[in-house]
Amino acid sequence: MGTEDGSGRSADPMDVPRAIAEIAMLPAAERPLRRAIHPGNKPQMAINRVSAETQLGWVGQSQAWGPAVEAVLTPLPPSA
């Protein structure tokens, strides 16, 4: 990371921790399952979206993981 690879994009080694911090600060129901962090064109985003929806559908319907998925995707009630 951090060097040009000939593709016209370069990455900063701090991109990953910054993305983690940004995601952690989002409300639980708004956190993405996946997030691209490199600059530039991201043609894989459409396939990632379909993959995430499929995974959430499968895992969200399981008896073992369904309640945890529901808890993550459900917004927290307003603080009293």
PDB file of N, CA and C in Angstrom:
ATOM      1  N   MET A   1       0.840  -1.183   0.000  1.00  0.00           N
ATOM      2  CA  MET A   1       0.000   0.000   0.000  1.00  0.00           C
ATOM      3  C   MET A   1       0.881   1.240   0.000  1.00  0.00           C
ATOM      4  N   GLY A   2       0.346   2.278  -0.560  1.00  0.00           N
ATOM      5  CA  GLY A   2       1.044   3.547  -0.531  1.00  0.00           C
ATOM      6  C   GLY A   2       1.949   3.795  -1.719  1.00  0.00           C
ATOM      7  N   THR A   3       2.050   2.823  -2.648  1.00  0.00           N
ATOM      8  CA  THR A   3       2.879   3.034  -3.819  1.00  0.00           C
ATOM      9  C   THR A   3       2.035   2.880  -5.071  1.00  0.00           C
ATOM     10  N   GLU A   4       2.441   3.557  -6.099  1.00  0.00           N
ATOM     11  CA  GLU A   4       1.741   3.487  -7.381  1.00  0.00           C
ATOM     12  C   GLU A   4       2.048   2.141  -8.021  1.00  0.00           C
ATOM     13  N   ASP A   5       1.023   1.465  -8.508  1.00  0.00           N
ATOM     14  CA  ASP A   5       1.207   0.143  -9.108  1.00  0.00           C
ATOM     15  C   ASP A   5       1.005   0.154 -10.621  1.00  0.00           C
ATOM     16  N   GLY A   6       0.922   1.335 -11.215  1.00  0.00           N
ATOM     17  CA  GLY A   6       0.719   1.436 -12.647  1.00  0.00           C
ATOM     18  C   GLY A   6      -0.742   1.530 -13.051  1.00  0.00           C
ATOM     19  N   SER A   7      -1.646   1.367 -12.103  1.00  0.00           N
ATOM     20  CA  SER A   7      -3.072   1.404 -12.409  1.00  0.00           C
ATOM     21  C   SER A   7      -3.646   2.816 -12.334  1.00  0.00           C
ATOM     22  N   GLY A   8      -2.828   3.773 -11.903  1.00  0.00           N
ATOM     23  CA  GLY A   8      -3.316   5.139 -11.783  1.00  0.00           C
ATOM     24  C   GLY A   8      -3.929   5.430 -10.424  1.00  0.00           C
ATOM     25  N   ARG A   9      -3.880   4.490  -9.524  1.00  0.00           N
ATOM     26  CA  ARG A   9      -4.401   4.733  -8.178  1.00  0.00           C
ATOM     27  C   ARG A   9      -3.341   4.312  -7.166  1.00  0.00           C
ATOM     28  N   SER A  10      -3.336   4.955  -6.070  1.00  0.00           N
ATOM     29  CA  SER A  10      -2.432   4.586  -4.984  1.00  0.00           C
ATOM     30  C   SER A  10      -3.245   4.595  -3.705  1.00  0.00           C
ATOM     31  N   ALA A  11      -2.783   3.885  -2.752  1.00  0.00           N
ATOM     32  CA  ALA A  11      -3.508   3.778  -1.496  1.00  0.00           C
ATOM     33  C   ALA A  11      -2.648   4.305  -0.353  1.00  0.00           C
ATOM     34  N   ASP A  12      -3.302   4.876   0.595  1.00  0.00           N
ATOM     35  CA  ASP A  12      -2.659   5.348   1.814  1.00  0.00           C
ATOM     36  C   ASP A  12      -2.833   4.240   2.856  1.00  0.00           C
ATOM     37  N   PRO A  13      -1.783   3.821   3.537  1.00  0.00           N
ATOM     38  CA  PRO A  13      -1.928   2.770   4.545  1.00  0.00           C
ATOM     39  C   PRO A  13      -2.953   3.111   5.630  1.00  0.00           C
ATOM     40  N   MET A  14      -3.273   4.365   5.809  1.00  0.00           N
ATOM     41  CA  MET A  14      -4.247   4.771   6.825  1.00  0.00           C
ATOM     42  C   MET A  14      -5.686   4.679   6.316  1.00  0.00           C
ATOM     43  N   ASP A  15      -5.887   4.347   5.038  1.00  0.00           N
ATOM     44  CA  ASP A  15      -7.242   4.229   4.503  1.00  0.00           C
ATOM     45  C   ASP A  15      -8.063   3.191   5.253  1.00  0.00           C
ATOM     46  N   VAL A  16      -7.464   2.057   5.584  1.00  0.00           N
ATOM     47  CA  VAL A  16      -8.206   0.986   6.265  1.00  0.00           C
ATOM     48  C   VAL A  16      -8.614   1.401   7.677  1.00  0.00           C
ATOM     49  N   PRO A  17      -7.689   1.868   8.531  1.00  0.00           N
ATOM     50  CA  PRO A  17      -8.142   2.266   9.872  1.00  0.00           C
ATOM     51  C   PRO A  17      -9.129   3.432   9.858  1.00  0.00           C
ATOM     52  N   ARG A  18      -8.981   4.355   8.894  1.00  0.00           N
ATOM     53  CA  ARG A  18      -9.954   5.448   8.799  1.00  0.00           C
ATOM     54  C   ARG A  18     -11.338   4.911   8.447  1.00  0.00           C
ATOM     55  N   ALA A  19     -11.398   3.960   7.514  1.00  0.00           N
ATOM     56  CA  ALA A  19     -12.684   3.375   7.128  1.00  0.00           C
ATOM     57  C   ALA A  19     -13.307   2.631   8.303  1.00  0.00           C
ATOM     58  N   ILE A  20     -12.505   1.895   9.052  1.00  0.00           N
ATOM     59  CA  ILE A  20     -13.018   1.181  10.226  1.00  0.00           C
ATOM     60  C   ILE A  20     -13.593   2.169  11.227  1.00  0.00           C
ATOM     61  N   ALA A  21     -12.890   3.253  11.484  1.00  0.00           N
ATOM     62  CA  ALA A  21     -13.374   4.257  12.436  1.00  0.00           C
ATOM     63  C   ALA A  21     -14.670   4.899  11.946  1.00  0.00           C
ATOM     64  N   GLU A  22     -14.739   5.209  10.658  1.00  0.00           N
ATOM     65  CA  GLU A  22     -15.963   5.816  10.113  1.00  0.00           C
ATOM     66  C   GLU A  22     -17.144   4.862  10.239  1.00  0.00           C
ATOM     67  N   ILE A  23     -16.926   3.587   9.943  1.00  0.00           N
ATOM     68  CA  ILE A  23     -18.002   2.599  10.038  1.00  0.00           C
ATOM     69  C   ILE A  23     -18.423   2.415  11.492  1.00  0.00           C
ATOM     70  N   ALA A  24     -17.476   2.375  12.403  1.00  0.00           N
ATOM     71  CA  ALA A  24     -17.789   2.195  13.822  1.00  0.00           C
ATOM     72  C   ALA A  24     -18.626   3.352  14.368  1.00  0.00           C
ATOM     73  N   MET A  25     -18.477   4.532  13.802  1.00  0.00           N
ATOM     74  CA  MET A  25     -19.219   5.698  14.275  1.00  0.00           C
ATOM     75  C   MET A  25     -20.642   5.760  13.711  1.00  0.00           C
ATOM     76  N   LEU A  26     -20.952   4.941  12.719  1.00  0.00           N
ATOM     77  CA  LEU A  26     -22.300   4.934  12.151  1.00  0.00           C
ATOM     78  C   LEU A  26     -23.275   4.245  13.100  1.00  0.00           C
ATOM     79  N   PRO A  27     -24.537   4.645  13.089  1.00  0.00           N
ATOM     80  CA  PRO A  27     -25.537   3.908  13.865  1.00  0.00           C
ATOM     81  C   PRO A  27     -25.580   2.455  13.399  1.00  0.00           C
ATOM     82  N   ALA A  28     -25.917   1.559  14.309  1.00  0.00           N
ATOM     83  CA  ALA A  28     -25.871   0.119  14.024  1.00  0.00           C
ATOM     84  C   ALA A  28     -26.601  -0.262  12.744  1.00  0.00           C
ATOM     85  N   ALA A  29     -27.750   0.277  12.494  1.00  0.00           N
ATOM     86  CA  ALA A  29     -28.541  -0.118  11.324  1.00  0.00           C
ATOM     87  C   ALA A  29     -28.009   0.467  10.015  1.00  0.00           C
ATOM     88  N   GLU A  30     -27.013   1.327  10.087  1.00  0.00           N
ATOM     89  CA  GLU A  30     -26.491   1.962   8.885  1.00  0.00           C
ATOM     90  C   GLU A  30     -25.103   1.467   8.501  1.00  0.00           C
ATOM     91  N   ARG A  31     -24.532   0.548   9.283  1.00  0.00           N
ATOM     92  CA  ARG A  31     -23.182   0.057   9.000  1.00  0.00           C
ATOM     93  C   ARG A  31     -23.208  -0.899   7.815  1.00  0.00           C
ATOM     94  N   PRO A  32     -22.348  -0.653   6.823  1.00  0.00           N
ATOM     95  CA  PRO A  32     -22.327  -1.535   5.658  1.00  0.00           C
ATOM     96  C   PRO A  32     -21.624  -2.852   5.963  1.00  0.00           C
ATOM     97  N   LEU A  33     -22.046  -3.906   5.285  1.00  0.00           N
ATOM     98  CA  LEU A  33     -21.377  -5.190   5.405  1.00  0.00           C
ATOM     99  C   LEU A  33     -20.017  -5.141   4.723  1.00  0.00           C
ATOM    100  N   ARG A  34     -19.944  -4.412   3.625  1.00  0.00           N
ATOM    101  CA  ARG A  34     -18.698  -4.247   2.877  1.00  0.00           C
ATOM    102  C   ARG A  34     -18.536  -2.776   2.531  1.00  0.00           C
ATOM    103  N   ARG A  35     -17.274  -2.381   2.369  1.00  0.00           N
ATOM    104  CA  ARG A  35     -17.010  -1.006   1.952  1.00  0.00           C
ATOM    105  C   ARG A  35     -15.696  -0.968   1.200  1.00  0.00           C
ATOM    106  N   ALA A  36     -15.725  -0.458  -0.016  1.00  0.00           N
ATOM    107  CA  ALA A  36     -14.491  -0.277  -0.781  1.00  0.00           C
ATOM    108  C   ALA A  36     -13.774   0.945  -0.232  1.00  0.00           C
ATOM    109  N   ILE A  37     -12.471   0.834  -0.088  1.00  0.00           N
ATOM    110  CA  ILE A  37     -11.738   1.967   0.469  1.00  0.00           C
ATOM    111  C   ILE A  37     -10.714   2.542  -0.494  1.00  0.00           C
ATOM    112  N   HIS A  38     -10.447   1.861  -1.593  1.00  0.00           N
ATOM    113  CA  HIS A  38      -9.461   2.394  -2.524  1.00  0.00           C
ATOM    114  C   HIS A  38     -10.087   3.496  -3.373  1.00  0.00           C
ATOM    115  N   PRO A  39      -9.262   4.443  -3.796  1.00  0.00           N
ATOM    116  CA  PRO A  39      -9.791   5.511  -4.645  1.00  0.00           C
ATOM    117  C   PRO A  39     -10.034   5.014  -6.062  1.00  0.00           C
ATOM    118  N   GLY A  40     -10.812   5.743  -6.793  1.00  0.00           N
ATOM    119  CA  GLY A  40     -11.014   5.434  -8.201  1.00  0.00           C
ATOM    120  C   GLY A  40     -12.252   4.609  -8.472  1.00  0.00           C
ATOM    121  N   ASN A  41     -12.343   4.135  -9.704  1.00  0.00           N
ATOM    122  CA  ASN A  41     -13.477   3.358 -10.182  1.00  0.00           C
ATOM    123  C   ASN A  41     -13.607   2.054  -9.390  1.00  0.00           C
ATOM    124  N   LYS A  42     -14.837   1.696  -9.069  1.00  0.00           N
ATOM    125  CA  LYS A  42     -15.090   0.495  -8.283  1.00  0.00           C
ATOM    126  C   LYS A  42     -16.145  -0.376  -8.987  1.00  0.00           C
ATOM    127  N   PRO A  43     -15.759  -1.039 -10.070  1.00  0.00           N
ATOM    128  CA  PRO A  43     -16.737  -1.820 -10.823  1.00  0.00           C
ATOM    129  C   PRO A  43     -17.300  -3.000 -10.039  1.00  0.00           C
ATOM    130  N   GLN A  44     -16.621  -3.434  -8.990  1.00  0.00           N
ATOM    131  CA  GLN A  44     -17.080  -4.573  -8.196  1.00  0.00           C
ATOM    132  C   GLN A  44     -18.216  -4.204  -7.243  1.00  0.00           C
ATOM    133  N   MET A  45     -18.562  -2.943  -7.121  1.00  0.00           N
ATOM    134  CA  MET A  45     -19.569  -2.529  -6.140  1.00  0.00           C
ATOM    135  C   MET A  45     -20.935  -3.167  -6.401  1.00  0.00           C
ATOM    136  N   ALA A  46     -21.328  -3.310  -7.652  1.00  0.00           N
ATOM    137  CA  ALA A  46     -22.629  -3.923  -7.949  1.00  0.00           C
ATOM    138  C   ALA A  46     -22.659  -5.379  -7.502  1.00  0.00           C
ATOM    139  N   ILE A  47     -21.595  -6.110  -7.772  1.00  0.00           N
ATOM    140  CA  ILE A  47     -21.565  -7.514  -7.365  1.00  0.00           C
ATOM    141  C   ILE A  47     -21.456  -7.627  -5.845  1.00  0.00           C
ATOM    142  N   ASN A  48     -20.737  -6.715  -5.209  1.00  0.00           N
ATOM    143  CA  ASN A  48     -20.656  -6.718  -3.742  1.00  0.00           C
ATOM    144  C   ASN A  48     -22.028  -6.475  -3.119  1.00  0.00           C
ATOM    145  N   ARG A  49     -22.824  -5.585  -3.724  1.00  0.00           N
ATOM    146  CA  ARG A  49     -24.152  -5.293  -3.190  1.00  0.00           C
ATOM    147  C   ARG A  49     -25.044  -6.535  -3.256  1.00  0.00           C
ATOM    148  N   VAL A  50     -25.030  -7.204  -4.387  1.00  0.00           N
ATOM    149  CA  VAL A  50     -25.835  -8.425  -4.543  1.00  0.00           C
ATOM    150  C   VAL A  50     -25.344  -9.505  -3.580  1.00  0.00           C
ATOM    151  N   SER A  51     -24.045  -9.640  -3.458  1.00  0.00           N
ATOM    152  CA  SER A  51     -23.475 -10.638  -2.549  1.00  0.00           C
ATOM    153  C   SER A  51     -23.866 -10.341  -1.100  1.00  0.00           C
ATOM    154  N   ALA A  52     -23.810  -9.086  -0.702  1.00  0.00           N
ATOM    155  CA  ALA A  52     -24.180  -8.706   0.664  1.00  0.00           C
ATOM    156  C   ALA A  52     -25.652  -8.988   0.929  1.00  0.00           C
ATOM    157  N   GLU A  53     -26.512  -8.651  -0.028  1.00  0.00           N
ATOM    158  CA  GLU A  53     -27.947  -8.911   0.140  1.00  0.00           C
ATOM    159  C   GLU A  53     -28.216 -10.408   0.261  1.00  0.00           C
ATOM    160  N   THR A  54     -27.527 -11.196  -0.529  1.00  0.00           N
ATOM    161  CA  THR A  54     -27.698 -12.651  -0.488  1.00  0.00           C
ATOM    162  C   THR A  54     -27.205 -13.210   0.853  1.00  0.00           C
ATOM    163  N   GLN A  55     -26.045 -12.771   1.280  1.00  0.00           N
ATOM    164  CA  GLN A  55     -25.505 -13.248   2.555  1.00  0.00           C
ATOM    165  C   GLN A  55     -26.425 -12.862   3.713  1.00  0.00           C
ATOM    166  N   LEU A  56     -26.898 -11.632   3.724  1.00  0.00           N
ATOM    167  CA  LEU A  56     -27.796 -11.211   4.796  1.00  0.00           C
ATOM    168  C   LEU A  56     -29.084 -12.018   4.776  1.00  0.00           C
ATOM    169  N   GLY A  57     -29.563 -12.333   3.597  1.00  0.00           N
ATOM    170  CA  GLY A  57     -30.767 -13.144   3.483  1.00  0.00           C
ATOM    171  C   GLY A  57     -30.569 -14.533   4.064  1.00  0.00           C
ATOM    172  N   TRP A  58     -29.451 -15.157   3.720  1.00  0.00           N
ATOM    173  CA  TRP A  58     -29.170 -16.511   4.219  1.00  0.00           C
ATOM    174  C   TRP A  58     -28.920 -16.507   5.717  1.00  0.00           C
ATOM    175  N   VAL A  59     -28.008 -15.649   6.148  1.00  0.00           N
ATOM    176  CA  VAL A  59     -27.640 -15.619   7.565  1.00  0.00           C
ATOM    177  C   VAL A  59     -28.792 -15.089   8.412  1.00  0.00           C
ATOM    178  N   GLY A  60     -29.493 -14.091   7.896  1.00  0.00           N
ATOM    179  CA  GLY A  60     -30.590 -13.488   8.637  1.00  0.00           C
ATOM    180  C   GLY A  60     -31.757 -14.434   8.871  1.00  0.00           C
ATOM    181  N   GLN A  61     -31.872 -15.457   8.053  1.00  0.00           N
ATOM    182  CA  GLN A  61     -32.953 -16.420   8.226  1.00  0.00           C
ATOM    183  C   GLN A  61     -32.560 -17.607   9.098  1.00  0.00           C
ATOM    184  N   SER A  62     -31.294 -17.704   9.456  1.00  0.00           N
ATOM    185  CA  SER A  62     -30.864 -18.851  10.254  1.00  0.00           C
ATOM    186  C   SER A  62     -31.282 -18.670  11.716  1.00  0.00           C
ATOM    187  N   GLN A  63     -31.561 -19.789  12.358  1.00  0.00           N
ATOM    188  CA  GLN A  63     -31.941 -19.727  13.772  1.00  0.00           C
ATOM    189  C   GLN A  63     -30.763 -19.298  14.637  1.00  0.00           C
ATOM    190  N   ALA A  64     -29.573 -19.701  14.241  1.00  0.00           N
ATOM    191  CA  ALA A  64     -28.385 -19.389  15.038  1.00  0.00           C
ATOM    192  C   ALA A  64     -27.992 -17.915  14.946  1.00  0.00           C
ATOM    193  N   TRP A  65     -28.010 -17.367  13.736  1.00  0.00           N
ATOM    194  CA  TRP A  65     -27.490 -16.017  13.529  1.00  0.00           C
ATOM    195  C   TRP A  65     -28.563 -14.983  13.250  1.00  0.00           C
ATOM    196  N   GLY A  66     -29.769 -15.393  12.956  1.00  0.00           N
ATOM    197  CA  GLY A  66     -30.834 -14.454  12.636  1.00  0.00           C
ATOM    198  C   GLY A  66     -31.040 -13.361  13.665  1.00  0.00           C
ATOM    199  N   PRO A  67     -31.123 -13.708  14.983  1.00  0.00           N
ATOM    200  CA  PRO A  67     -31.311 -12.657  15.982  1.00  0.00           C
ATOM    201  C   PRO A  67     -30.160 -11.644  16.023  1.00  0.00           C
ATOM    202  N   ALA A  68     -28.930 -12.115  15.814  1.00  0.00           N
ATOM    203  CA  ALA A  68     -27.785 -11.195  15.823  1.00  0.00           C
ATOM    204  C   ALA A  68     -27.848 -10.257  14.617  1.00  0.00           C
ATOM    205  N   VAL A  69     -28.196 -10.799  13.454  1.00  0.00           N
ATOM    206  CA  VAL A  69     -28.320  -9.973  12.254  1.00  0.00           C
ATOM    207  C   VAL A  69     -29.421  -8.936  12.461  1.00  0.00           C
ATOM    208  N   GLU A  70     -30.548  -9.364  13.005  1.00  0.00           N
ATOM    209  CA  GLU A  70     -31.662  -8.442  13.271  1.00  0.00           C
ATOM    210  C   GLU A  70     -31.221  -7.332  14.218  1.00  0.00           C
ATOM    211  N   ALA A  71     -30.456  -7.687  15.248  1.00  0.00           N
ATOM    212  CA  ALA A  71     -30.003  -6.692  16.218  1.00  0.00           C
ATOM    213  C   ALA A  71     -29.094  -5.649  15.564  1.00  0.00           C
ATOM    214  N   VAL A  72     -28.258  -6.081  14.638  1.00  0.00           N
ATOM    215  CA  VAL A  72     -27.358  -5.152  13.962  1.00  0.00           C
ATOM    216  C   VAL A  72     -28.111  -4.248  12.997  1.00  0.00           C
ATOM    217  N   LEU A  73     -29.111  -4.804  12.328  1.00  0.00           N
ATOM    218  CA  LEU A  73     -29.818  -4.026  11.313  1.00  0.00           C
ATOM    219  C   LEU A  73     -30.935  -3.160  11.863  1.00  0.00           C
ATOM    220  N   THR A  74     -31.339  -3.366  13.108  1.00  0.00           N
ATOM    221  CA  THR A  74     -32.429  -2.613  13.696  1.00  0.00           C
ATOM    222  C   THR A  74     -31.888  -1.369  14.400  1.00  0.00           C
ATOM    223  N   PRO A  75     -32.392  -0.202  14.065  1.00  0.00           N
ATOM    224  CA  PRO A  75     -31.920   1.015  14.745  1.00  0.00           C
ATOM    225  C   PRO A  75     -32.224   0.956  16.246  1.00  0.00           C
ATOM    226  N   LEU A  76     -31.342   1.552  17.004  1.00  0.00           N
ATOM    227  CA  LEU A  76     -31.550   1.631  18.449  1.00  0.00           C
ATOM    228  C   LEU A  76     -32.654   2.621  18.754  1.00  0.00           C
ATOM    229  N   PRO A  77     -33.435   2.372  19.818  1.00  0.00           N
ATOM    230  CA  PRO A  77     -34.468   3.350  20.187  1.00  0.00           C
ATOM    231  C   PRO A  77     -33.800   4.632  20.671  1.00  0.00           C
ATOM    232  N   PRO A  78     -34.497   5.769  20.562  1.00  0.00           N
ATOM    233  CA  PRO A  78     -33.936   7.035  21.037  1.00  0.00           C
ATOM    234  C   PRO A  78     -33.623   6.965  22.529  1.00  0.00           C
ATOM    235  N   SER A  79     -32.562   7.617  22.920  1.00  0.00           N
ATOM    236  CA  SER A  79     -32.188   7.644  24.350  1.00  0.00           C
ATOM    237  C   SER A  79     -33.203   8.436  25.139  1.00  0.00           C
ATOM    238  N   ALA A  80     -33.465   7.987  26.352  1.00  0.00           N
ATOM    239  CA  ALA A  80     -34.434   8.667  27.212  1.00  0.00           C
ATOM    240  C   ALA A  80     -33.773   9.799  27.962  1.00  0.00           C
TER     241      ALA A  80
END
